[in-house]
Amino acid sequence: MAITLSDEIFELTHIDGKVLSFLDFYQSDETGYMFIYDYGETSFHVFCEDGLYKFGRSSRYGKVFVEAVSPDQANIERILIRILGEDYRKSARLPAIRVPTAYPYTEKDIREGFTVIYLSEEEWVLQRPDGSRVDATFIGGQRDWPEKARYSYIMDVPVVDLVASYLDPDGYPALHEFVL
């Protein structure tokens, strides 16, 4: 299954038509995208496999460790947007946006009303206040992994609003309360 990322995401990879300095380059093929940072030290991958969208990372072009899986491409895009968005703001000399995170993670750090549901020792999902679950399974990370708190704040934000928030100096429309 082919994957095409939302056009808005690529606004976070360029300033004045130039690829941002933190991003060595990105490449794509019919199965997905690879965003290469720091001369290949870290690469982020967004791809589709077995009918599911996946986000993963690798080091020095090594094995990709999948961190999230979802039947909904937008959920995987949100994870990538958070990474690209934080680095875009640094490069654009905009105030940082720091979505709440904590290490070690505790239940009090998560967005009000959200709950982490463990599917196994290595897999978890987020449950919303209404009892429904974010349609993404997160893989890996210890039980105190700080991303759990961070994801509870971004997984329900529309992709276009999340990108716009990282581009906007004041973090509007969705992340203004987290601008430092």
Protein backbone atom coordinates (compact mmCIF):
# COMPACT_ATOMS: atom_id res chain seq x y z
CA MET A 1 0.00 0.00 0.00
CA ALA A 2 1.40 3.38 -1.00
CA ILE A 3 1.68 6.27 1.43
CA THR A 4 1.63 10.00 0.75
CA LEU A 5 2.16 12.32 3.69
CA SER A 6 -0.05 15.36 4.14
CA ASP A 7 1.38 18.31 2.21
CA GLU A 8 1.37 20.50 5.32
CA ILE A 9 4.06 18.36 6.96
CA PHE A 10 6.65 19.49 4.41
CA GLU A 11 6.18 23.11 5.53
CA LEU A 12 8.10 22.06 8.66
CA THR A 13 11.14 20.94 6.64
CA HIS A 14 11.96 24.24 4.90
CA ILE A 15 12.49 27.91 5.70
CA ASP A 16 12.71 30.33 2.77
CA GLY A 17 12.90 27.41 0.37
CA LYS A 18 15.92 25.82 2.04
CA VAL A 19 15.92 22.48 3.82
CA LEU A 20 16.42 23.05 7.53
CA SER A 21 19.92 22.55 8.88
CA PHE A 22 18.92 19.79 11.32
CA LEU A 23 17.54 17.69 8.50
CA ASP A 24 20.19 16.21 6.23
CA PHE A 25 17.56 15.14 3.75
CA TYR A 26 14.46 13.09 3.36
CA GLN A 27 13.64 10.52 0.80
CA SER A 28 10.58 8.63 -0.15
CA ASP A 29 9.47 5.69 -2.21
CA GLU A 30 6.15 3.98 -2.68
CA THR A 31 6.26 2.41 0.78
CA GLY A 32 7.14 5.42 2.91
CA TYR A 33 9.44 8.25 3.98
CA MET A 34 12.75 8.49 5.80
CA PHE A 35 13.86 11.75 7.43
CA ILE A 36 17.59 11.68 8.12
CA TYR A 37 19.06 13.79 10.93
CA ASP A 38 22.62 14.55 12.02
CA TYR A 39 24.50 12.89 9.16
CA GLY A 40 22.59 9.67 9.56
CA GLU A 41 22.91 9.36 13.33
CA THR A 42 19.13 9.22 13.64
CA SER A 43 16.50 8.60 11.00
CA PHE A 44 12.75 8.75 11.41
CA HIS A 45 10.59 6.50 9.26
CA VAL A 46 6.93 6.71 8.29
CA PHE A 47 5.73 3.79 6.21
CA CYS A 48 2.91 1.40 5.49
CA GLU A 49 3.21 -2.34 5.99
CA ASP A 50 0.54 -5.02 6.12
CA GLY A 51 -2.18 -2.38 5.77
CA LEU A 52 -0.99 -0.43 8.84
CA TYR A 53 0.84 2.88 9.09
CA LYS A 54 3.98 2.81 11.20
CA PHE A 55 6.42 5.24 12.77
CA GLY A 56 9.92 4.14 13.67
CA ARG A 57 13.48 5.30 14.12
CA SER A 58 16.87 3.94 13.28
CA SER A 59 20.50 4.82 13.93
CA ARG A 60 23.14 4.96 11.23
CA TYR A 61 20.85 3.40 8.62
CA GLY A 62 20.40 0.33 10.81
CA LYS A 63 17.30 -1.64 11.69
CA VAL A 64 14.11 0.36 12.06
CA PHE A 65 12.56 0.08 15.51
CA VAL A 66 8.83 0.62 15.20
CA GLU A 67 7.41 2.83 17.95
CA ALA A 68 3.78 3.23 16.83
CA VAL A 69 1.31 1.43 14.59
CA SER A 70 -2.12 2.63 13.45
CA PRO A 71 -4.70 1.98 10.75
CA ASP A 72 -5.09 5.79 10.66
CA GLN A 73 -2.26 7.58 8.85
CA ALA A 74 -3.00 10.86 10.66
CA ASN A 75 -2.03 9.31 14.01
CA ILE A 76 1.41 8.41 12.68
CA GLU A 77 1.78 11.83 11.04
CA ARG A 78 1.16 13.54 14.40
CA ILE A 79 4.18 11.81 15.90
CA LEU A 80 6.39 12.99 13.02
CA ILE A 81 4.94 16.51 13.18
CA ARG A 82 5.86 16.82 16.85
CA ILE A 83 9.49 15.95 16.10
CA LEU A 84 9.79 18.12 12.98
CA GLY A 85 7.82 20.94 14.60
CA GLU A 86 10.09 21.28 17.62
CA ASP A 87 13.16 21.40 15.39
CA TYR A 88 11.50 23.78 12.92
CA ARG A 89 10.87 26.27 15.73
CA LYS A 90 14.53 26.15 16.80
CA SER A 91 15.70 26.77 13.24
CA ALA A 92 13.16 29.55 12.70
CA ARG A 93 14.17 31.15 16.03
CA LEU A 94 10.63 30.91 17.34
CA PRO A 95 9.88 30.33 21.02
CA ALA A 96 9.94 26.64 21.88
CA ILE A 97 6.77 24.65 22.26
CA ARG A 98 7.05 22.09 25.02
CA VAL A 99 4.10 19.78 25.18
CA PRO A 100 4.06 18.33 28.70
CA THR A 101 6.37 15.43 29.27
CA ALA A 102 7.92 14.04 32.37
CA TYR A 103 10.59 11.56 33.27
CA PRO A 104 9.89 9.41 34.99
CA TYR A 105 6.35 9.47 33.68
CA THR A 106 3.52 9.18 36.18
CA GLU A 107 -0.23 9.14 35.62
CA LYS A 108 -0.51 12.75 36.88
CA ASP A 109 1.57 13.95 33.89
CA ILE A 110 -0.93 12.79 31.30
CA ARG A 111 -3.65 15.05 29.88
CA GLU A 112 -6.66 15.28 32.17
CA GLY A 113 -9.13 12.48 31.55
CA PHE A 114 -6.73 10.35 29.48
CA THR A 115 -5.45 6.98 30.67
CA VAL A 116 -2.66 4.72 29.50
CA ILE A 117 -3.89 1.17 28.87
CA TYR A 118 -1.17 -1.49 28.74
CA LEU A 119 -1.80 -4.21 26.17
CA SER A 120 1.41 -6.00 27.13
CA GLU A 121 4.71 -5.16 28.79
CA GLU A 122 5.82 -3.41 25.57
CA GLU A 123 2.56 -2.10 24.05
CA TRP A 124 0.10 0.54 25.19
CA VAL A 125 -2.74 2.72 23.92
CA LEU A 126 -4.30 5.96 25.11
CA GLN A 127 -7.87 5.99 26.35
CA ARG A 128 -9.85 9.21 26.09
CA PRO A 129 -12.12 10.59 28.81
CA ASP A 130 -15.19 9.17 27.01
CA GLY A 131 -13.71 5.65 27.13
CA SER A 132 -12.80 5.46 23.44
CA ARG A 133 -9.22 4.76 22.51
CA VAL A 134 -6.83 6.62 20.23
CA ASP A 135 -6.48 4.26 17.27
CA ALA A 136 -2.72 3.80 17.66
CA THR A 137 -0.66 1.22 19.48
CA PHE A 138 2.62 2.46 20.91
CA ILE A 139 5.47 0.00 21.19
CA GLY A 140 8.49 -0.04 23.45
CA GLY A 141 9.68 2.33 26.06
CA GLN A 142 9.66 1.53 29.71
CA ARG A 143 6.54 2.00 31.74
CA ASP A 144 7.91 5.38 32.82
CA TRP A 145 8.57 6.55 29.24
CA PRO A 146 7.84 10.31 29.11
CA GLU A 147 6.27 10.31 25.63
CA LYS A 148 3.05 8.90 27.07
CA ALA A 149 2.23 12.27 28.57
CA ARG A 150 3.23 14.15 25.41
CA TYR A 151 1.13 12.02 23.08
CA SER A 152 -1.97 12.47 25.23
CA TYR A 153 -1.89 16.17 24.29
CA ILE A 154 -1.41 15.86 20.51
CA MET A 155 -3.14 12.71 19.28
CA ASP A 156 -6.57 14.34 18.93
CA VAL A 157 -5.37 17.55 17.26
CA PRO A 158 -6.13 17.63 13.50
CA VAL A 159 -2.93 17.32 11.43
CA VAL A 160 -3.44 20.69 9.73
CA ASP A 161 -3.91 22.42 13.13
CA LEU A 162 -0.86 20.72 14.61
CA VAL A 163 1.36 21.87 11.72
CA ALA A 164 -0.14 25.37 11.86
CA SER A 165 0.59 25.52 15.59
CA TYR A 166 4.29 24.79 15.08
CA LEU A 167 4.47 27.35 12.26
CA ASP A 168 2.67 30.09 14.21
CA PRO A 169 4.94 32.19 16.48
CA ASP A 170 2.33 32.01 19.26
CA GLY A 171 1.47 28.31 18.79
CA TYR A 172 -2.08 28.84 17.57
CA PRO A 173 -4.50 27.19 17.06
CA ALA A 174 -3.71 24.15 19.21
CA LEU A 175 -0.45 24.54 21.17
CA HIS A 176 -0.45 28.17 22.39
CA GLU A 177 -0.58 27.16 26.05
CA PHE A 178 2.75 25.30 25.66
CA VAL A 179 4.83 28.12 24.12
CA LEU A 180 7.77 28.98 26.37
